Amino acid sequence: MGYIIENANILKETKLSKSSLLIEGNHIAAKQDRIHHNKLIKMNADSFIMTPSYVFLDTCIPLKASFQEFRKYMIENFLLKGCTTILTYISITYESELTEKIKETKTALMSSPIDFLISVKIPMRLLTPSFIRKCKKERVPAIFIDIVDPDDLIKIPWGWIKEALFPYNCPLVPIISNDLKKEARRALSKWKVIIENEKIPAILEEMKENQPLSVLVLNKLGLYPQKASLLHGAEVSYNLYLKAREIMNVDEVELFHYHSDRLVVTVNKGKVVRAGEEVLFKPGYGEYVRVRTPSFFAL
């Protein structure tokens, strides 16, 4: 049987609004100002600020650690921070490695308590139509490009790359090599000019790890609005922060970074996984997410 979350103070990016949510199974069946249904259990959420649960990029998950070390890492880095979906990547040196490395990573994450996506990180020389077609076949959600020399960007046959990406259009994401950090601005500027001129599906900036990915990035990855949203049809995954005067006028980024002590409840696909300091670690509850269509939802 479903239930209703009443008087939810929902924070979306910078805007706070009050709504009621009709929950059926692990999905939001309706979102309205008020929902009149006398036969359903009602939960008054007026004492909290509600946000969608978060999606993080994390490339340092200890896949070869012991179960206890893995459990500790997942709890401290994700469940206690309100994250219920992780994006990670595997480093690929040769095209022939792709399928096997994805399979190995999926196996290593079988005991994950939260959903996960597996993307790839490649050197610029591997950005070829042939490799992209393999990524499409595997439904890779993003291709991270290690940029060592930004001048090499003009040597890539972008027309062929764009054609190979279509119609799946998984985004390309820049990674600026450590040797280039002093020239990061120039490298990203050159990347942005080429991407915009060639109309390539891509993220224009480097993606920061271990913090909520933006709606724009999530949409390009093909995750929004099914995940990290509280819209009709989305999964029931959310965070509850204790309401206080000092957090009534903050945005989602500030709430995450400066008011984490007020996060008291995290729900993942309809199941409470964190209540106060208590965390429910459910091995294998997480699923491998295969993206159907990146950038499907128009923002």
Protein backbone atom coordinates (compact mmCIF):
# COMPACT_ATOMS: atom_id res chain seq x y z
CA MET A 1 0.00 0.00 0.00
CA GLY A 2 1.18 3.51 -0.78
CA TYR A 3 1.58 6.46 1.57
CA ILE A 4 1.71 10.26 1.43
CA ILE A 5 4.52 12.58 2.46
CA GLU A 6 2.79 15.84 3.43
CA ASN A 7 4.20 19.37 3.79
CA ALA A 8 7.57 18.46 2.28
CA ASN A 9 9.92 21.46 2.09
CA ILE A 10 11.67 20.47 -1.11
CA LEU A 11 14.94 22.20 -1.98
CA LYS A 12 15.82 22.07 -5.68
CA GLU A 13 19.06 23.86 -6.48
CA THR A 14 18.28 27.34 -5.05
CA LYS A 15 14.50 27.17 -4.68
CA LEU A 16 12.52 25.92 -1.69
CA SER A 17 8.91 24.85 -2.28
CA LYS A 18 6.25 22.96 -0.32
CA SER A 19 4.59 19.90 -1.86
CA SER A 20 2.95 16.59 -1.01
CA LEU A 21 4.18 13.34 -2.55
CA LEU A 22 2.17 10.19 -3.20
CA ILE A 23 4.48 7.20 -2.87
CA GLU A 24 3.67 3.86 -4.47
CA GLY A 25 6.29 1.13 -4.18
CA ASN A 26 9.65 2.78 -4.76
CA HIS A 27 8.41 5.49 -7.13
CA ILE A 28 6.74 8.88 -6.79
CA ALA A 29 3.25 8.43 -8.21
CA ALA A 30 2.17 12.07 -7.83
CA LYS A 31 3.50 15.42 -6.66
CA GLN A 32 0.97 18.13 -5.84
CA ASP A 33 0.39 21.01 -3.44
CA ARG A 34 -2.00 18.78 -1.53
CA ILE A 35 -3.08 15.17 -1.95
CA HIS A 36 -6.47 14.19 -0.57
CA HIS A 37 -6.60 10.47 0.21
CA ASN A 38 -8.05 9.50 3.57
CA LYS A 39 -7.20 5.80 3.41
CA LEU A 40 -3.44 6.17 3.10
CA ILE A 41 -0.87 6.63 5.85
CA LYS A 42 0.46 10.18 5.96
CA MET A 43 3.90 11.39 7.05
CA ASN A 44 4.27 15.04 7.99
CA ALA A 45 7.68 16.25 6.76
CA ASP A 46 7.27 19.88 7.80
CA SER A 47 10.13 19.63 10.33
CA PHE A 48 12.66 18.86 7.59
CA ILE A 49 14.27 20.18 4.43
CA MET A 50 13.98 17.50 1.75
CA THR A 51 16.43 17.06 -1.12
CA PRO A 52 16.82 14.30 -3.68
CA SER A 53 19.55 11.87 -2.66
CA TYR A 54 22.86 12.57 -4.34
CA VAL A 55 24.91 11.12 -7.16
CA PHE A 56 28.70 11.30 -6.65
CA LEU A 57 31.66 10.74 -8.93
CA ASP A 58 34.21 8.59 -7.09
CA THR A 59 37.20 7.06 -8.83
CA CYS A 60 38.93 5.64 -5.74
CA ILE A 61 36.50 2.97 -4.59
CA PRO A 62 38.59 0.18 -2.97
CA LEU A 63 37.42 -2.63 -5.24
CA LYS A 64 40.10 -5.06 -4.06
CA ALA A 65 39.76 -4.35 -0.35
CA SER A 66 38.32 -6.72 2.24
CA PHE A 67 34.57 -6.67 2.75
CA GLN A 68 34.95 -4.80 6.06
CA GLU A 69 37.15 -2.12 4.44
CA PHE A 70 34.72 -1.84 1.51
CA ARG A 71 31.76 -1.56 3.90
CA LYS A 72 33.48 1.18 5.93
CA TYR A 73 34.34 3.13 2.77
CA MET A 74 30.78 2.95 1.41
CA ILE A 75 29.24 4.05 4.70
CA GLU A 76 31.63 6.95 5.37
CA ASN A 77 31.86 8.27 1.81
CA PHE A 78 28.33 7.70 0.54
CA LEU A 79 25.59 6.57 2.93
CA LEU A 80 26.45 9.08 5.67
CA LYS A 81 26.60 11.86 3.08
CA GLY A 82 23.22 11.18 1.48
CA CYS A 83 24.59 9.62 -1.72
CA THR A 84 22.65 6.67 -3.16
CA THR A 85 24.21 6.41 -6.64
CA ILE A 86 27.88 6.47 -7.61
CA LEU A 87 29.59 7.06 -10.93
CA THR A 88 33.09 5.65 -11.25
CA TYR A 89 35.43 4.98 -14.15
CA ILE A 90 37.91 2.35 -15.24
CA SER A 91 41.18 3.24 -16.95
CA ILE A 92 41.44 1.78 -20.45
CA THR A 93 44.75 1.64 -22.32
CA TYR A 94 43.72 -0.58 -25.23
CA GLU A 95 40.35 -0.90 -26.96
CA SER A 96 40.32 -4.67 -26.44
CA GLU A 97 40.24 -4.22 -22.62
CA LEU A 98 36.87 -2.50 -22.46
CA THR A 99 34.37 -5.34 -22.13
CA GLU A 100 36.43 -7.43 -19.73
CA LYS A 101 37.27 -4.51 -17.43
CA ILE A 102 33.62 -3.46 -17.21
CA LYS A 103 32.72 -7.05 -16.34
CA GLU A 104 35.41 -7.19 -13.64
CA THR A 105 34.27 -3.91 -12.09
CA LYS A 106 30.63 -5.00 -12.07
CA THR A 107 31.65 -8.17 -10.25
CA ALA A 108 33.70 -6.20 -7.71
CA LEU A 109 30.70 -3.96 -6.97
CA MET A 110 28.17 -6.76 -6.59
CA SER A 111 28.01 -6.15 -2.82
CA SER A 112 27.41 -2.41 -3.21
CA PRO A 113 24.47 -1.12 -1.13
CA ILE A 114 23.81 1.67 -3.64
CA ASP A 115 23.43 1.87 -7.42
CA PHE A 116 26.50 2.39 -9.58
CA LEU A 117 27.50 3.37 -13.11
CA ILE A 118 30.77 2.45 -14.79
CA SER A 119 32.34 4.92 -17.21
CA VAL A 120 35.78 4.86 -18.81
CA LYS A 121 38.93 6.98 -18.71
CA ILE A 122 41.12 6.91 -21.81
CA PRO A 123 44.21 8.61 -23.27
CA MET A 124 43.42 10.96 -26.12
CA ARG A 125 44.84 8.55 -28.72
CA LEU A 126 42.06 6.08 -27.90
CA LEU A 127 39.30 8.54 -28.82
CA THR A 128 38.43 6.88 -32.11
CA PRO A 129 35.15 5.99 -33.86
CA SER A 130 35.88 2.30 -33.31
CA PHE A 131 36.30 2.70 -29.55
CA ILE A 132 33.22 4.90 -29.27
CA ARG A 133 31.10 2.28 -31.02
CA LYS A 134 32.26 -0.27 -28.43
CA CYS A 135 31.29 2.15 -25.66
CA LYS A 136 27.84 2.55 -27.19
CA LYS A 137 27.39 -1.20 -27.26
CA GLU A 138 28.27 -1.38 -23.54
CA ARG A 139 26.06 1.63 -22.75
CA VAL A 140 28.98 3.48 -21.17
CA PRO A 141 27.49 6.63 -19.56
CA ALA A 142 30.55 8.88 -20.07
CA ILE A 143 34.02 8.85 -21.62
CA PHE A 144 36.67 10.71 -19.61
CA ILE A 145 39.50 12.05 -21.78
CA ASP A 146 42.93 12.48 -20.21
CA ILE A 147 44.25 15.68 -21.78
CA VAL A 148 48.06 15.77 -21.57
CA ASP A 149 48.72 18.25 -24.39
CA PRO A 150 45.78 20.55 -25.26
CA ASP A 151 47.32 21.20 -28.68
CA ASP A 152 46.56 17.58 -29.57
CA LEU A 153 42.84 18.38 -29.41
CA ILE A 154 42.93 19.91 -32.89
CA LYS A 155 44.37 16.67 -34.31
CA ILE A 156 41.25 14.65 -33.44
CA PRO A 157 38.82 14.01 -36.34
CA TRP A 158 35.87 15.54 -34.51
CA GLY A 159 33.44 15.06 -37.38
CA TRP A 160 33.96 11.30 -37.24
CA ILE A 161 33.75 11.34 -33.44
CA LYS A 162 30.42 13.17 -33.52
CA GLU A 163 29.07 10.72 -36.10
CA ALA A 164 30.21 7.72 -34.01
CA LEU A 165 28.59 9.11 -30.85
CA PHE A 166 25.19 9.52 -32.53
CA PRO A 167 22.47 8.63 -31.58
CA TYR A 168 23.50 7.44 -28.09
CA ASN A 169 25.55 10.61 -27.47
CA CYS A 170 27.29 9.74 -24.21
CA PRO A 171 29.17 12.85 -23.07
CA LEU A 172 32.93 13.32 -23.26
CA VAL A 173 34.46 14.64 -20.03
CA PRO A 174 37.85 16.40 -19.78
CA ILE A 175 40.49 15.40 -17.25
CA ILE A 176 43.43 17.77 -17.09
CA SER A 177 46.70 15.93 -16.52
CA ASN A 178 48.53 16.77 -13.29
CA ASP A 179 51.43 18.06 -15.39
CA LEU A 180 49.06 20.59 -16.92
CA LYS A 181 47.38 21.96 -13.80
CA LYS A 182 49.07 25.34 -14.20
CA GLU A 183 47.68 25.53 -17.72
CA ALA A 184 44.26 24.12 -16.83
CA ARG A 185 42.42 27.29 -17.81
CA ARG A 186 43.98 27.33 -21.29
CA ALA A 187 43.35 23.63 -21.77
CA LEU A 188 39.69 23.90 -20.73
CA SER A 189 39.24 27.00 -22.86
CA LYS A 190 40.52 25.15 -25.94
CA TRP A 191 38.33 22.15 -25.05
CA LYS A 192 35.24 24.36 -24.72
CA VAL A 193 35.83 26.12 -28.05
CA ILE A 194 36.22 22.84 -29.95
CA ILE A 195 33.28 21.15 -28.23
CA GLU A 196 30.93 24.07 -28.89
CA ASN A 197 32.08 24.61 -32.48
CA GLU A 198 31.79 20.92 -33.34
CA LYS A 199 28.57 20.49 -31.29
CA ILE A 200 29.93 17.43 -29.48
CA PRO A 201 27.97 16.04 -26.49
CA ALA A 202 30.30 16.81 -23.59
CA ILE A 203 30.86 18.28 -20.16
CA LEU A 204 32.75 21.56 -20.46
CA GLU A 205 34.51 21.48 -17.09
CA GLU A 206 36.26 18.81 -15.05
CA MET A 207 33.84 16.90 -12.82
CA LYS A 208 34.55 17.22 -9.10
CA GLU A 209 34.57 14.07 -7.02
CA ASN A 210 32.69 13.22 -3.82
CA GLN A 211 30.08 15.93 -4.03
CA PRO A 212 26.62 16.06 -5.62
CA LEU A 213 26.69 16.20 -9.41
CA SER A 214 24.61 19.02 -10.87
CA VAL A 215 21.30 18.52 -12.65
CA LEU A 216 22.96 19.60 -15.92
CA VAL A 217 25.63 16.90 -15.61
CA LEU A 218 23.10 14.28 -14.50
CA ASN A 219 20.93 15.04 -17.50
CA LYS A 220 23.86 14.64 -19.87
CA LEU A 221 24.65 11.31 -18.21
CA GLY A 222 21.07 10.17 -18.77
CA LEU A 223 20.25 9.87 -15.05
CA TYR A 224 17.94 12.85 -14.61
CA PRO A 225 15.04 12.93 -13.79
CA GLN A 226 14.81 9.24 -12.86
CA LYS A 227 17.49 9.77 -10.21
CA ALA A 228 18.42 12.79 -8.09
CA SER A 229 14.97 14.34 -8.51
CA LEU A 230 11.66 14.42 -6.69
CA LEU A 231 9.49 14.64 -9.79
CA HIS A 232 6.57 12.45 -10.79
CA GLY A 233 7.86 9.04 -11.86
CA ALA A 234 11.24 9.35 -10.14
CA GLU A 235 12.49 6.76 -7.68
CA VAL A 236 11.88 7.39 -3.98
CA SER A 237 15.40 8.39 -2.94
CA TYR A 238 15.73 11.45 -0.75
CA ASN A 239 17.47 13.12 2.19
CA LEU A 240 15.90 14.85 5.18
CA TYR A 241 17.75 17.66 6.94
CA LEU A 242 16.50 19.04 10.25
CA LYS A 243 14.92 22.40 9.48
CA ALA A 244 16.48 25.47 11.07
CA ARG A 245 16.49 29.21 10.43
CA GLU A 246 20.08 29.18 9.14
CA ILE A 247 19.32 26.69 6.35
CA MET A 248 16.06 28.16 5.08
CA ASN A 249 17.82 30.39 2.54
CA VAL A 250 20.66 28.18 1.34
CA ASP A 251 21.01 26.28 -1.91
CA GLU A 252 21.68 22.55 -2.32
CA VAL A 253 25.44 23.05 -2.62
CA GLU A 254 25.67 25.05 0.62
CA LEU A 255 23.39 22.59 2.41
CA PHE A 256 25.65 19.69 1.47
CA HIS A 257 28.95 21.39 2.25
CA TYR A 258 28.11 23.37 5.41
CA HIS A 259 25.14 21.70 7.09
CA SER A 260 25.90 17.99 6.86
CA ASP A 261 25.40 17.74 10.64
CA ARG A 262 21.68 18.30 10.04
CA LEU A 263 21.29 15.34 7.67
CA VAL A 264 19.28 12.80 9.68
CA VAL A 265 17.50 10.51 7.19
CA THR A 266 18.41 9.02 3.81
CA VAL A 267 15.97 6.89 1.84
CA ASN A 268 17.21 4.79 -1.08
CA LYS A 269 14.62 3.41 -3.52
CA GLY A 270 11.95 3.44 -0.82
CA LYS A 271 14.11 1.94 1.95
CA VAL A 272 15.53 3.89 4.89
CA VAL A 273 19.30 3.40 4.81
CA ARG A 274 20.25 6.05 7.34
CA ALA A 275 18.34 7.23 10.43
CA GLY A 276 20.30 9.50 12.73
CA GLU A 277 23.69 7.89 13.24
CA GLU A 278 22.35 4.43 12.42
CA VAL A 279 23.20 3.17 8.91
CA LEU A 280 21.69 0.11 7.26
CA PHE A 281 24.29 -1.49 5.01
CA LYS A 282 22.47 -3.88 2.71
CA PRO A 283 25.02 -5.74 0.52
CA GLY A 284 23.85 -6.18 -3.05
CA TYR A 285 20.94 -3.73 -2.80
CA GLY A 286 22.71 -1.53 -5.32
CA GLU A 287 22.20 -2.21 -9.00
CA TYR A 288 24.33 -1.70 -12.09
CA VAL A 289 22.70 1.15 -14.00
CA ARG A 290 22.70 0.93 -17.80
CA VAL A 291 21.82 4.30 -19.28
CA ARG A 292 19.31 4.16 -22.12
CA THR A 293 19.57 7.65 -23.58
CA PRO A 294 21.90 10.41 -22.31
CA SER A 295 20.48 13.97 -22.41
CA PHE A 296 16.99 12.58 -23.03
CA PHE A 297 15.26 15.03 -20.72
CA ALA A 298 15.30 18.60 -22.06
CA LEU A 299 16.28 21.16 -19.40
